[in-house]
N, C-alpha and C. Protein backbone atom coordinates (compact mmCIF):
# COMPACT_ATOMS: atom_id res chain seq x y z
N MET A 1 -6.09 -19.93 -23.02
CA MET A 1 -4.78 -19.66 -23.57
C MET A 1 -3.81 -19.42 -22.41
N THR A 2 -2.64 -19.95 -22.50
CA THR A 2 -1.63 -19.78 -21.46
C THR A 2 -0.38 -19.15 -22.04
N LYS A 3 0.43 -18.59 -21.15
CA LYS A 3 1.72 -18.00 -21.52
C LYS A 3 2.78 -18.62 -20.63
N THR A 4 3.96 -18.72 -21.15
CA THR A 4 5.10 -19.22 -20.38
C THR A 4 5.91 -18.02 -19.92
N ILE A 5 6.27 -18.01 -18.63
CA ILE A 5 7.12 -16.93 -18.11
C ILE A 5 8.35 -17.55 -17.47
N LYS A 6 9.43 -16.80 -17.47
CA LYS A 6 10.66 -17.26 -16.83
C LYS A 6 10.73 -16.66 -15.43
N ILE A 7 11.01 -17.51 -14.46
CA ILE A 7 11.19 -17.05 -13.09
C ILE A 7 12.46 -17.70 -12.53
N SER A 8 13.01 -17.10 -11.51
CA SER A 8 14.22 -17.63 -10.92
C SER A 8 13.90 -18.87 -10.08
N GLU A 9 14.93 -19.62 -9.77
CA GLU A 9 14.77 -20.80 -8.91
C GLU A 9 14.19 -20.38 -7.56
N LYS A 10 14.69 -19.26 -7.05
CA LYS A 10 14.23 -18.76 -5.75
C LYS A 10 12.73 -18.45 -5.79
N THR A 11 12.28 -17.77 -6.84
CA THR A 11 10.87 -17.43 -6.98
C THR A 11 10.03 -18.70 -7.12
N HIS A 12 10.52 -19.64 -7.88
CA HIS A 12 9.82 -20.92 -8.05
C HIS A 12 9.65 -21.62 -6.70
N LYS A 13 10.70 -21.62 -5.92
CA LYS A 13 10.65 -22.25 -4.59
C LYS A 13 9.63 -21.54 -3.71
N LEU A 14 9.65 -20.20 -3.71
CA LEU A 14 8.72 -19.44 -2.88
C LEU A 14 7.28 -19.66 -3.30
N LEU A 15 7.02 -19.69 -4.60
CA LEU A 15 5.67 -19.97 -5.09
C LEU A 15 5.23 -21.37 -4.67
N SER A 16 6.13 -22.31 -4.76
CA SER A 16 5.82 -23.69 -4.36
C SER A 16 5.44 -23.76 -2.89
N GLU A 17 6.16 -23.01 -2.06
CA GLU A 17 5.88 -22.99 -0.63
C GLU A 17 4.55 -22.32 -0.32
N MET A 18 4.16 -21.35 -1.13
CA MET A 18 2.92 -20.61 -0.89
C MET A 18 1.69 -21.38 -1.34
N ALA A 19 1.84 -22.22 -2.34
CA ALA A 19 0.70 -22.93 -2.92
C ALA A 19 0.35 -24.16 -2.09
N SER A 20 -0.95 -24.37 -1.91
CA SER A 20 -1.38 -25.62 -1.29
C SER A 20 -1.37 -26.70 -2.38
N LYS A 21 -1.68 -27.92 -2.01
CA LYS A 21 -1.66 -29.02 -2.99
C LYS A 21 -2.66 -28.80 -4.11
N ASN A 22 -3.75 -28.09 -3.83
CA ASN A 22 -4.81 -27.88 -4.83
C ASN A 22 -4.58 -26.66 -5.70
N GLU A 23 -3.59 -25.83 -5.36
CA GLU A 23 -3.39 -24.57 -6.07
C GLU A 23 -2.29 -24.66 -7.12
N THR A 24 -2.51 -23.93 -8.17
CA THR A 24 -1.49 -23.79 -9.20
C THR A 24 -0.69 -22.52 -8.93
N PHE A 25 0.41 -22.35 -9.63
CA PHE A 25 1.15 -21.10 -9.52
C PHE A 25 0.27 -19.94 -9.97
N ASN A 26 -0.57 -20.17 -10.96
CA ASN A 26 -1.47 -19.13 -11.43
C ASN A 26 -2.40 -18.67 -10.30
N ASP A 27 -2.90 -19.62 -9.50
CA ASP A 27 -3.76 -19.27 -8.36
C ASP A 27 -3.01 -18.38 -7.37
N VAL A 28 -1.78 -18.76 -7.07
CA VAL A 28 -0.98 -17.99 -6.10
C VAL A 28 -0.69 -16.60 -6.65
N ILE A 29 -0.30 -16.51 -7.90
CA ILE A 29 0.01 -15.22 -8.51
C ILE A 29 -1.24 -14.34 -8.55
N ASP A 30 -2.40 -14.91 -8.91
CA ASP A 30 -3.65 -14.15 -8.89
C ASP A 30 -3.94 -13.61 -7.50
N PHE A 31 -3.77 -14.47 -6.50
CA PHE A 31 -3.99 -14.05 -5.12
C PHE A 31 -3.08 -12.88 -4.75
N LEU A 32 -1.80 -12.99 -5.08
CA LEU A 32 -0.84 -11.94 -4.75
C LEU A 32 -1.15 -10.63 -5.46
N ILE A 33 -1.56 -10.71 -6.71
CA ILE A 33 -1.91 -9.51 -7.46
C ILE A 33 -3.14 -8.86 -6.85
N ASN A 34 -4.16 -9.64 -6.56
CA ASN A 34 -5.38 -9.09 -5.94
C ASN A 34 -5.08 -8.49 -4.58
N TYR A 35 -4.26 -9.17 -3.80
CA TYR A 35 -3.87 -8.68 -2.48
C TYR A 35 -3.17 -7.33 -2.61
N TYR A 36 -2.27 -7.23 -3.56
CA TYR A 36 -1.54 -5.98 -3.79
C TYR A 36 -2.50 -4.84 -4.08
N TYR A 37 -3.43 -5.05 -5.01
CA TYR A 37 -4.35 -3.98 -5.39
C TYR A 37 -5.31 -3.62 -4.26
N GLU A 38 -5.74 -4.61 -3.49
CA GLU A 38 -6.66 -4.34 -2.38
C GLU A 38 -5.98 -3.61 -1.23
N ASN A 39 -4.67 -3.79 -1.09
CA ASN A 39 -3.95 -3.20 0.04
C ASN A 39 -3.02 -2.06 -0.36
N GLU A 40 -3.15 -1.62 -1.59
CA GLU A 40 -2.34 -0.51 -2.06
C GLU A 40 -2.70 0.73 -1.22
N GLU A 41 -1.69 1.42 -0.72
CA GLU A 41 -1.95 2.55 0.17
C GLU A 41 -2.66 3.70 -0.54
N PHE A 42 -2.24 4.03 -1.72
CA PHE A 42 -2.83 5.13 -2.46
C PHE A 42 -3.10 4.71 -3.90
N SER A 43 -4.18 5.24 -4.44
CA SER A 43 -4.39 5.07 -5.87
C SER A 43 -3.40 5.97 -6.59
N ASP A 44 -3.25 5.78 -7.88
CA ASP A 44 -2.34 6.64 -8.65
C ASP A 44 -2.76 8.10 -8.54
N GLU A 45 -4.07 8.35 -8.55
CA GLU A 45 -4.57 9.72 -8.47
C GLU A 45 -4.26 10.34 -7.10
N GLU A 46 -4.45 9.55 -6.03
CA GLU A 46 -4.14 10.04 -4.68
C GLU A 46 -2.65 10.32 -4.53
N ALA A 47 -1.83 9.41 -5.03
CA ALA A 47 -0.38 9.61 -4.94
C ALA A 47 0.04 10.86 -5.68
N GLU A 48 -0.53 11.08 -6.86
CA GLU A 48 -0.20 12.28 -7.63
C GLU A 48 -0.61 13.54 -6.87
N PHE A 49 -1.81 13.53 -6.27
CA PHE A 49 -2.27 14.69 -5.49
C PHE A 49 -1.30 14.99 -4.35
N TYR A 50 -0.94 13.95 -3.56
CA TYR A 50 -0.05 14.17 -2.42
C TYR A 50 1.34 14.60 -2.87
N ASN A 51 1.83 14.04 -3.95
CA ASN A 51 3.14 14.46 -4.45
C ASN A 51 3.12 15.91 -4.89
N ASN A 52 2.02 16.34 -5.51
CA ASN A 52 1.89 17.75 -5.90
C ASN A 52 1.84 18.67 -4.69
N GLU A 53 1.11 18.24 -3.66
CA GLU A 53 1.03 19.05 -2.43
C GLU A 53 2.40 19.15 -1.75
N ILE A 54 3.14 18.06 -1.72
CA ILE A 54 4.49 18.08 -1.13
C ILE A 54 5.39 19.01 -1.92
N GLU A 55 5.30 18.94 -3.25
CA GLU A 55 6.12 19.81 -4.10
C GLU A 55 5.79 21.29 -3.84
N LYS A 56 4.50 21.61 -3.72
CA LYS A 56 4.10 22.99 -3.42
C LYS A 56 4.71 23.44 -2.10
N PHE A 57 4.60 22.58 -1.08
CA PHE A 57 5.14 22.91 0.24
C PHE A 57 6.64 23.14 0.17
N GLU A 58 7.35 22.24 -0.52
CA GLU A 58 8.80 22.36 -0.64
C GLU A 58 9.21 23.63 -1.39
N ASN A 59 8.30 24.14 -2.25
CA ASN A 59 8.60 25.37 -2.99
C ASN A 59 8.08 26.61 -2.26
N GLY A 60 7.66 26.44 -1.00
CA GLY A 60 7.27 27.59 -0.19
C GLY A 60 5.80 27.95 -0.24
N ASN A 61 4.97 27.21 -0.95
CA ASN A 61 3.54 27.48 -1.02
C ASN A 61 2.88 26.85 0.21
N LEU A 62 2.46 27.69 1.17
CA LEU A 62 1.88 27.20 2.41
C LEU A 62 0.36 27.36 2.43
N GLU A 63 -0.24 27.46 1.25
CA GLU A 63 -1.68 27.71 1.10
C GLU A 63 -2.54 26.72 1.89
N ASN A 64 -2.26 25.44 1.83
CA ASN A 64 -3.08 24.43 2.49
C ASN A 64 -2.45 23.89 3.77
N VAL A 65 -1.53 24.65 4.36
CA VAL A 65 -0.82 24.21 5.54
C VAL A 65 -1.43 24.88 6.77
N SER A 66 -1.65 24.10 7.82
CA SER A 66 -2.14 24.67 9.07
C SER A 66 -1.24 24.21 10.21
N GLU A 67 -1.17 25.02 11.24
CA GLU A 67 -0.33 24.70 12.38
C GLU A 67 -1.09 23.80 13.33
N VAL A 68 -0.42 22.79 13.84
CA VAL A 68 -1.01 21.86 14.79
C VAL A 68 -0.10 21.81 16.01
N THR A 69 -0.70 21.99 17.19
CA THR A 69 0.10 21.91 18.41
C THR A 69 0.33 20.46 18.78
N LEU A 70 1.31 20.23 19.61
CA LEU A 70 1.60 18.87 20.07
C LEU A 70 0.41 18.30 20.84
N LYS A 71 -0.26 19.14 21.61
CA LYS A 71 -1.43 18.71 22.37
C LYS A 71 -2.55 18.24 21.43
N ASP A 72 -2.80 19.03 20.38
CA ASP A 72 -3.81 18.64 19.39
C ASP A 72 -3.44 17.32 18.70
N LEU A 73 -2.18 17.17 18.39
CA LEU A 73 -1.70 15.96 17.74
C LEU A 73 -1.89 14.75 18.65
N GLU A 74 -1.58 14.91 19.92
CA GLU A 74 -1.76 13.82 20.89
C GLU A 74 -3.23 13.42 21.00
N LYS A 75 -4.14 14.41 20.96
CA LYS A 75 -5.58 14.13 21.00
C LYS A 75 -6.01 13.33 19.78
N ARG A 76 -5.50 13.72 18.61
CA ARG A 76 -5.84 13.01 17.37
C ARG A 76 -5.34 11.58 17.40
N ILE A 77 -4.13 11.39 17.90
CA ILE A 77 -3.55 10.05 17.98
C ILE A 77 -4.36 9.19 18.94
N SER A 78 -4.73 9.74 20.09
CA SER A 78 -5.54 8.99 21.06
C SER A 78 -6.87 8.59 20.45
N LYS A 79 -7.49 9.51 19.73
CA LYS A 79 -8.78 9.21 19.09
C LYS A 79 -8.62 8.06 18.09
N LEU A 80 -7.58 8.11 17.27
CA LEU A 80 -7.33 7.04 16.30
C LEU A 80 -7.05 5.70 16.99
N GLU A 81 -6.27 5.74 18.06
CA GLU A 81 -5.98 4.51 18.79
C GLU A 81 -7.25 3.90 19.37
N ASN A 82 -8.15 4.75 19.89
CA ASN A 82 -9.41 4.25 20.43
C ASN A 82 -10.29 3.65 19.32
N GLU A 83 -10.29 4.26 18.16
CA GLU A 83 -11.06 3.72 17.04
C GLU A 83 -10.52 2.37 16.58
N LEU A 84 -9.20 2.22 16.62
CA LEU A 84 -8.59 0.95 16.21
C LEU A 84 -8.91 -0.17 17.19
N LYS A 85 -9.12 0.16 18.46
CA LYS A 85 -9.42 -0.84 19.48
C LYS A 85 -10.83 -1.40 19.33
N LYS A 86 -11.70 -0.69 18.63
CA LYS A 86 -13.10 -1.12 18.48
C LYS A 86 -13.22 -2.33 17.61
C-alpha cells in the first residue's frame, strides 16, 4: 500500500539529488529517517531527565552539582581527545 504526500519543488529537487539511479524517494526518506534515529543525541527519556536537572539547578537546587576546577576540566578534555584519536 502506498500513500501520496505533497512536497515542495525544493524538497523534490533535493531528494532527486540524493537518490542514485536505483533508489526511489522512499529509499532516500527511509535512509534519512533511520539516520536521524541512529544519530539522535538523546532519547526522549534522556532529554526529559536533563531538562529536569537543568530546571532544578535554575531553581537553586544544587543537590547533584559538584565543583570542577579548570585543571580538572583540562585533564578530562585531554583524556577525551586521546580516546577520540584511537
